[in-house]
Amino acid sequence: MRRKPAFRVNAMPGSGLFDNQRCRKARSGMKRIFLFGNWKMNQSLHAINDFAAESAAFFSERPGLNAETEICVFPPFVLIPEAVKNFTNLGINVGAQNASDHGEGAYTGEVAPSMLKEAGCRYVIVGHSERRHIYGESSELVNKKALNCLASALIPVLCVGETLEQRDAGRTAAVISDQLQKGVKDFPAGAAYIVAYEPVWAIGTGRAASAEDAEKVCRLIKDSVRVPVLYGGSVKPSNAAELFSRPSIDGGLIGGASLKARDFFAILKNFRAAEL
C-alpha cells in the first residue's frame, strides 16, 4: 500500500511549466525540465559576456535543443543587471541567490525581493545549504524570505537537504519533511514555487548521491507538495541523463558545472540525447 504523505500543500498553478502534467511530458514526448545554474560567488562582467556568446553559439549549432526547458542562471547580486541584458534574448532567465526577509528599511547589506524583481529576476534561491549551515539560517527565516519573494511576484526555489549525520541516523525523511513543512508555511493557495533537494552529505564528503538516492527523496517531496522538484548535488554531463530521466526529478540546480556555458548545456544535450 502506498504511504500517505504527512502533509500536502498547494497544488501547482495550472499553466506553463508549473502545470503538473506538463512537468512530466510535453506533447512532443520530451520531458519538460528546469536547468538552473547557481554561480555562487563566482564569475565577472567579462565572464557573463563570454557565457552569452558561448550560449548563442551552442544553440545555433543545435536548434531546438532548449525546447521544453526552463533555463535560469543565478549570478551574484552585482552581476544581475548585466546578466539580464545579455541573457534575455537567449531565452535564459536570471535569478538571485538570496533575498531579504524585509521589504525595505535600515537593513545594511540586504537586498529586497522588490529590488530583484525590478532588476529583472524571475526566481530566487532560498534556504540553500550554504545559507543554512554557514550563515545559520533557520527554516523559519527561510520561510519569511520565501513569502517576501512571493509578495513581489518572484518564484522561490526552496532548498532542502539532510546532513551526513542525519542521513546515517536514518532521519532523512524527517528532516526533509520538517524543512519542507516549515518552509512553505502560510504560502497562498496556488503559489508558484520550486523545491530543490540538495543532499548536504554528498557535498565534499566523497560520498555521491546515486540516482536512486535522489529519486527516493524527490518522490518523498512530491508526495507532499505538487510542485517541480529539482536535484542539486554534483550534477554534470556524465550523470544528467540518469538523474533527469527519473520520474520525480524535474531538472537540476547545478553548481560548478554551470559556470561554463558549454559544460552547462552539455548537461541538457546529454539528457536529450538519452531521450531519443
Protein backbone atom coordinates (compact mmCIF):
# COMPACT_ATOMS: atom_id res chain seq x y z
CA MET A 1 0.00 0.00 0.00
CA ARG A 2 1.34 3.40 -0.93
CA ARG A 3 2.35 5.55 2.02
CA LYS A 4 0.16 8.59 2.62
CA PRO A 5 2.01 11.91 2.76
CA ALA A 6 2.35 13.53 6.16
CA PHE A 7 1.03 16.82 4.79
CA ARG A 8 0.14 18.36 1.47
CA VAL A 9 0.36 21.97 0.36
CA ASN A 10 -0.55 24.00 -2.67
CA ALA A 11 -1.43 22.43 -5.97
CA MET A 12 0.72 23.76 -8.75
CA PRO A 13 -0.59 26.65 -10.88
CA GLY A 14 -2.30 25.40 -13.98
CA SER A 15 -0.30 26.99 -16.78
CA GLY A 16 3.14 26.89 -18.33
CA LEU A 17 5.92 24.80 -16.84
CA PHE A 18 4.13 24.81 -13.49
CA ASP A 19 1.31 22.61 -14.72
CA ASN A 20 1.63 19.19 -13.03
CA GLN A 21 1.25 17.11 -16.17
CA ARG A 22 3.32 19.45 -18.31
CA CYS A 23 6.21 18.98 -15.89
CA ARG A 24 6.19 15.34 -16.93
CA LYS A 25 5.81 15.08 -20.68
CA ALA A 26 5.04 17.63 -23.34
CA ARG A 27 3.02 16.72 -26.39
CA SER A 28 6.29 16.30 -28.27
CA GLY A 29 7.17 13.43 -25.95
CA MET A 30 10.04 15.42 -24.44
CA LYS A 31 10.14 15.73 -20.68
CA ARG A 32 9.88 19.32 -19.53
CA ILE A 33 12.79 20.15 -17.26
CA PHE A 34 14.35 23.02 -15.33
CA LEU A 35 18.05 23.68 -15.92
CA PHE A 36 19.16 26.07 -13.18
CA GLY A 37 22.74 27.23 -12.61
CA ASN A 38 23.84 28.60 -9.22
CA TRP A 39 27.01 30.58 -9.81
CA LYS A 40 27.54 31.21 -6.09
CA MET A 41 30.36 33.77 -5.50
CA ASN A 42 31.89 33.34 -8.96
CA GLN A 43 32.04 34.99 -12.40
CA SER A 44 32.62 38.59 -13.55
CA LEU A 45 31.28 41.08 -16.10
CA HIS A 46 33.70 39.67 -18.67
CA ALA A 47 32.63 36.10 -17.84
CA ILE A 48 28.97 37.00 -18.46
CA ASN A 49 29.80 38.26 -21.95
CA ASP A 50 31.71 35.05 -22.66
CA PHE A 51 28.86 32.92 -21.30
CA ALA A 52 26.34 34.73 -23.51
CA ALA A 53 28.48 34.30 -26.63
CA GLU A 54 29.09 30.60 -25.91
CA SER A 55 25.38 30.05 -25.24
CA ALA A 56 24.38 31.67 -28.52
CA ALA A 57 26.91 29.58 -30.42
CA PHE A 58 25.90 26.36 -28.68
CA PHE A 59 22.21 26.72 -29.50
CA SER A 60 22.92 27.98 -33.00
CA GLU A 61 24.68 24.67 -33.64
CA ARG A 62 21.80 22.71 -32.05
CA PRO A 63 18.45 24.32 -33.00
CA GLY A 64 15.60 23.31 -30.75
CA LEU A 65 17.79 21.79 -28.05
CA ASN A 66 16.38 24.13 -25.43
CA ALA A 67 12.75 23.29 -26.27
CA GLU A 68 10.67 22.23 -23.25
CA THR A 69 13.37 23.57 -20.94
CA GLU A 70 13.19 26.42 -18.43
CA ILE A 71 16.72 27.79 -18.12
CA CYS A 72 17.87 30.16 -15.39
CA VAL A 73 21.23 31.28 -14.04
CA PHE A 74 21.74 32.80 -10.60
CA PRO A 75 24.69 35.22 -10.59
CA PRO A 76 25.94 37.28 -7.65
CA PHE A 77 23.82 40.38 -6.97
CA VAL A 78 26.15 42.88 -8.65
CA LEU A 79 26.14 40.90 -11.90
CA ILE A 80 22.36 40.57 -12.21
CA PRO A 81 21.77 43.66 -14.42
CA GLU A 82 24.49 42.62 -16.86
CA ALA A 83 23.16 39.07 -16.93
CA VAL A 84 19.63 40.28 -17.68
CA LYS A 85 20.94 42.47 -20.50
CA ASN A 86 22.92 39.63 -22.09
CA PHE A 87 20.70 36.61 -21.47
CA THR A 88 17.10 37.71 -22.01
CA ASN A 89 17.22 37.47 -25.80
CA LEU A 90 18.76 33.99 -25.50
CA GLY A 91 15.79 32.64 -23.58
CA ILE A 92 17.80 32.40 -20.36
CA ASN A 93 16.12 33.67 -17.20
CA VAL A 94 18.05 35.33 -14.41
CA GLY A 95 17.54 34.73 -10.70
CA ALA A 96 19.07 35.73 -7.38
CA GLN A 97 20.87 33.52 -4.87
CA ASN A 98 19.24 35.07 -1.82
CA ALA A 99 16.82 37.80 -0.74
CA SER A 100 15.97 39.67 2.41
CA ASP A 101 13.04 38.81 4.62
CA HIS A 102 12.35 42.55 4.81
CA GLY A 103 10.79 44.82 2.22
CA GLU A 104 12.84 47.97 2.79
CA GLY A 105 14.49 49.98 5.53
CA ALA A 106 17.62 50.12 7.65
CA TYR A 107 18.97 46.65 6.89
CA THR A 108 22.56 47.22 5.81
CA GLY A 109 23.80 44.72 3.26
CA GLU A 110 20.36 43.28 2.47
CA VAL A 111 18.58 43.20 -0.90
CA ALA A 112 14.78 43.25 -1.01
CA PRO A 113 12.84 40.97 -3.38
CA SER A 114 11.14 44.01 -4.92
CA MET A 115 14.59 45.29 -5.94
CA LEU A 116 15.41 41.93 -7.52
CA LYS A 117 12.13 41.96 -9.40
CA GLU A 118 12.83 45.44 -10.72
CA ALA A 119 16.32 44.32 -11.78
CA GLY A 120 14.78 41.62 -13.96
CA CYS A 121 14.90 38.48 -11.79
CA ARG A 122 12.28 35.73 -12.12
CA TYR A 123 13.47 33.25 -9.48
CA VAL A 124 15.17 33.48 -6.07
CA ILE A 125 17.00 30.68 -4.23
CA VAL A 126 16.04 30.49 -0.56
CA GLY A 127 17.39 28.14 2.08
CA HIS A 128 20.45 26.91 0.17
CA SER A 129 22.53 24.57 2.31
CA GLU A 130 25.37 27.09 2.44
CA ARG A 131 22.99 29.71 3.81
CA ARG A 132 21.60 27.27 6.36
CA HIS A 133 24.91 25.78 7.52
CA ILE A 134 27.44 28.59 7.08
CA TYR A 135 25.21 31.53 7.98
CA GLY A 136 22.85 29.75 10.35
CA GLU A 137 19.59 30.48 8.55
CA SER A 138 16.67 28.67 10.14
CA SER A 139 13.69 27.20 8.32
CA GLU A 140 11.59 29.95 9.87
CA LEU A 141 13.80 32.64 8.33
CA VAL A 142 13.82 30.81 5.01
CA ASN A 143 10.01 30.82 5.11
CA LYS A 144 9.93 34.59 5.69
CA LYS A 145 12.23 35.11 2.71
CA ALA A 146 10.11 32.87 0.52
CA LEU A 147 6.90 34.67 1.49
CA ASN A 148 8.57 38.00 0.78
CA CYS A 149 9.57 36.75 -2.67
CA LEU A 150 6.03 35.59 -3.42
CA ALA A 151 4.73 39.02 -2.40
CA SER A 152 6.98 40.55 -5.08
CA ALA A 153 5.82 38.10 -7.77
CA LEU A 154 9.11 36.19 -7.68
CA ILE A 155 9.28 32.39 -7.73
CA PRO A 156 11.17 30.97 -4.73
CA VAL A 157 13.41 27.96 -5.21
CA LEU A 158 13.18 26.39 -1.76
CA CYS A 159 16.21 24.24 -0.95
CA VAL A 160 16.01 21.31 1.45
CA GLY A 161 18.52 18.63 2.37
CA GLU A 162 19.95 16.48 5.14
CA THR A 163 23.49 16.32 6.54
CA LEU A 164 25.65 13.19 6.61
CA GLU A 165 24.95 12.70 10.32
CA GLN A 166 21.21 12.98 9.75
CA ARG A 167 21.35 10.51 6.87
CA ASP A 168 23.43 7.99 8.82
CA ALA A 169 20.95 8.27 11.70
CA GLY A 170 18.10 7.37 9.35
CA ARG A 171 16.49 10.80 9.72
CA THR A 172 16.38 11.86 6.06
CA ALA A 173 12.60 11.72 5.70
CA ALA A 174 12.01 13.50 9.00
CA VAL A 175 14.49 16.29 8.23
CA ILE A 176 13.19 16.89 4.70
CA SER A 177 9.57 16.87 5.84
CA ASP A 178 10.33 19.32 8.65
CA GLN A 179 12.23 21.74 6.38
CA LEU A 180 9.52 21.50 3.76
CA GLN A 181 6.59 21.99 6.12
CA LYS A 182 8.23 25.00 7.80
CA GLY A 183 9.46 26.40 4.51
CA VAL A 184 6.03 26.57 2.85
CA LYS A 185 4.08 27.69 5.90
CA ASP A 186 1.39 30.25 5.05
CA PHE A 187 2.03 30.04 1.31
CA PRO A 188 -1.10 31.24 -0.51
CA ALA A 189 -3.13 28.68 -2.43
CA GLY A 190 -1.72 28.18 -5.91
CA ALA A 191 1.62 29.80 -5.08
CA ALA A 192 4.27 29.27 -7.76
CA TYR A 193 7.43 27.83 -6.26
CA ILE A 194 10.00 25.08 -6.79
CA VAL A 195 11.71 22.73 -4.35
CA ALA A 196 15.36 21.77 -4.80
CA TYR A 197 16.71 18.74 -2.97
CA GLU A 198 20.41 19.05 -2.22
CA PRO A 199 21.89 16.30 -0.04
CA VAL A 200 24.43 18.07 2.14
CA TRP A 201 26.08 14.70 2.84
CA ALA A 202 27.08 14.44 -0.83
CA ILE A 203 28.93 17.76 -0.84
CA GLY A 204 32.65 17.47 -0.09
CA THR A 205 32.36 14.11 1.69
CA GLY A 206 33.44 11.77 -1.09
CA ARG A 207 30.02 10.11 -0.95
CA ALA A 208 28.00 10.77 -4.09
CA ALA A 209 24.22 10.54 -4.25
CA SER A 210 23.06 7.88 -6.68
CA ALA A 211 20.10 8.41 -8.99
CA GLU A 212 18.19 6.00 -6.75
CA ASP A 213 19.02 8.08 -3.66
CA ALA A 214 17.92 11.28 -5.38
CA GLU A 215 14.72 9.78 -6.77
CA LYS A 216 13.71 8.39 -3.38
CA VAL A 217 13.88 11.77 -1.65
CA CYS A 218 12.40 13.71 -4.57
CA ARG A 219 9.50 11.26 -4.53
CA LEU A 220 9.03 11.94 -0.82
CA ILE A 221 8.83 15.66 -1.60
CA LYS A 222 6.38 15.14 -4.47
CA ASP A 223 4.17 13.08 -2.17
CA SER A 224 3.82 16.25 -0.06
CA VAL A 225 3.83 19.20 -2.46
CA ARG A 226 2.72 19.22 -6.07
CA VAL A 227 5.43 21.44 -7.49
CA PRO A 228 8.52 20.86 -9.63
CA VAL A 229 11.35 19.19 -7.71
CA LEU A 230 14.96 19.69 -8.75
CA TYR A 231 18.04 17.76 -7.67
CA GLY A 232 21.20 19.59 -6.68
CA GLY A 233 24.34 17.65 -5.90
CA SER A 234 27.22 17.18 -8.34
CA VAL A 235 25.04 17.17 -11.47
CA LYS A 236 27.28 17.01 -14.54
CA PRO A 237 27.08 15.90 -18.18
CA SER A 238 28.04 12.32 -17.30
CA ASN A 239 25.15 11.72 -14.88
CA ALA A 240 22.47 14.10 -16.19
CA ALA A 241 20.61 11.50 -18.25
CA GLU A 242 20.36 9.03 -15.38
CA LEU A 243 19.17 11.71 -12.93
CA PHE A 244 16.76 13.68 -15.11
CA SER A 245 15.09 10.56 -16.50
CA ARG A 246 13.80 9.70 -13.03
CA PRO A 247 10.07 10.36 -12.72
CA SER A 248 10.27 12.54 -9.60
CA ILE A 249 13.20 14.72 -10.75
CA ASP A 250 12.18 17.69 -12.88
CA GLY A 251 15.67 19.07 -13.51
CA GLY A 252 18.71 20.27 -11.65
CA LEU A 253 20.10 23.08 -9.54
CA ILE A 254 23.67 22.95 -10.79
CA GLY A 255 26.77 24.50 -9.22
CA GLY A 256 30.28 24.23 -10.66
CA ALA A 257 29.17 22.73 -13.97
CA SER A 258 27.08 25.83 -14.68
CA LEU A 259 30.00 28.28 -14.79
CA LYS A 260 30.93 27.50 -18.39
CA ALA A 261 28.14 27.59 -20.96
CA ARG A 262 29.32 24.53 -22.87
CA ASP A 263 29.57 22.46 -19.70
CA PHE A 264 26.18 23.68 -18.51
CA PHE A 265 24.37 22.98 -21.76
CA ALA A 266 26.18 19.69 -22.28
CA ILE A 267 24.07 18.52 -19.35
CA LEU A 268 20.96 19.31 -21.37
CA LYS A 269 22.43 17.87 -24.57
CA ASN A 270 23.29 14.55 -22.94
CA PHE A 271 19.88 14.23 -21.33
CA ARG A 272 18.03 14.98 -24.56
CA ALA A 273 20.21 12.53 -26.47
CA ALA A 274 19.30 9.80 -23.99
CA GLU A 275 15.59 10.52 -24.51
CA LEU A 276 15.76 9.62 -28.20
